[in-house]
């Protein structure tokens, strides 16, 4: 089952112009392209920004790191 939600956000005016022009030329709604962009790149954005959070936590001491040797010993490898 497919669900739709209305999301309002402000985009860079040049991006909006480009998406609207593409939509007009291809006779598709602008929402098609916004959804395509989100579907195509959301995984990468999550990876990038979540990795940045992990790095901050490691640097601040909130998150511990383990060497390969420690992991192998813990797992009995």
Protein backbone atom coordinates (compact mmCIF):
# COMPACT_ATOMS: atom_id res chain seq x y z
CA UNK A 1 0.00 0.00 0.00
CA UNK A 2 1.36 3.41 -0.96
CA UNK A 3 0.99 6.35 1.37
CA UNK A 4 1.29 10.03 0.51
CA UNK A 5 2.04 12.89 2.79
CA UNK A 6 2.19 16.57 2.14
CA UNK A 7 5.48 18.09 3.21
CA UNK A 8 6.22 21.77 2.92
CA UNK A 9 9.79 23.03 2.85
CA UNK A 10 11.78 25.93 1.49
CA UNK A 11 14.28 25.14 -1.21
CA UNK A 12 16.93 27.19 -2.88
CA UNK A 13 15.12 29.35 -5.49
CA UNK A 14 17.40 28.10 -8.29
CA UNK A 15 16.61 24.47 -7.42
CA UNK A 16 12.90 25.22 -7.43
CA UNK A 17 13.18 26.86 -10.85
CA UNK A 18 15.13 23.90 -12.25
CA UNK A 19 12.69 21.32 -10.89
CA UNK A 20 9.67 23.27 -12.12
CA UNK A 21 11.23 23.66 -15.58
CA UNK A 22 12.01 19.92 -15.72
CA UNK A 23 8.47 19.11 -14.61
CA UNK A 24 6.98 21.34 -17.28
CA UNK A 25 9.19 19.96 -20.05
CA UNK A 26 8.49 16.35 -19.11
CA UNK A 27 4.83 16.89 -18.22
CA UNK A 28 5.33 15.37 -14.78
CA UNK A 29 4.53 16.97 -11.44
CA UNK A 30 7.41 18.62 -9.58
CA UNK A 31 6.62 16.27 -6.69
CA UNK A 32 7.74 13.35 -8.90
CA UNK A 33 11.24 14.82 -9.04
CA UNK A 34 11.40 15.76 -5.37
CA UNK A 35 10.37 12.20 -4.48
CA UNK A 36 12.87 10.79 -6.95
CA UNK A 37 15.67 12.84 -5.40
CA UNK A 38 14.72 11.77 -1.89
CA UNK A 39 14.44 8.10 -2.86
CA UNK A 40 17.73 8.20 -4.75
CA UNK A 41 19.85 10.07 -2.23
CA UNK A 42 18.33 9.71 1.23
CA UNK A 43 20.39 6.60 2.07
CA UNK A 44 23.61 8.45 1.25
CA UNK A 45 22.56 11.50 3.26
CA UNK A 46 21.75 9.32 6.27
CA UNK A 47 25.13 7.62 5.99
CA UNK A 48 27.01 10.92 5.77
CA UNK A 49 25.24 12.79 8.55
CA UNK A 50 24.95 9.83 10.93
CA UNK A 51 28.65 9.06 10.42
CA UNK A 52 29.45 12.67 11.32
CA UNK A 53 27.53 12.21 14.58
CA UNK A 54 29.47 9.04 15.38
CA UNK A 55 32.77 10.85 14.76
CA UNK A 56 31.68 13.67 17.12
CA UNK A 57 30.72 11.13 19.78
CA UNK A 58 34.01 9.25 19.46
CA UNK A 59 36.03 12.47 19.64
CA UNK A 60 34.11 13.67 22.69
CA UNK A 61 34.48 10.31 24.44
CA UNK A 62 30.76 9.52 24.39
CA UNK A 63 31.37 6.51 22.15
CA UNK A 64 34.15 3.95 22.51
CA UNK A 65 36.12 2.41 19.67
CA UNK A 66 37.63 -1.06 19.51
CA UNK A 67 40.65 -2.35 17.63
CA UNK A 68 40.33 -5.26 15.23
CA UNK A 69 42.28 -7.39 17.70
CA UNK A 70 39.84 -6.58 20.50
CA UNK A 71 36.86 -7.46 18.32
CA UNK A 72 38.46 -10.72 17.17
CA UNK A 73 39.24 -11.72 20.76
CA UNK A 74 35.72 -10.87 21.92
CA UNK A 75 34.23 -12.95 19.11
CA UNK A 76 36.73 -15.77 19.49
CA UNK A 77 38.10 -15.42 16.00
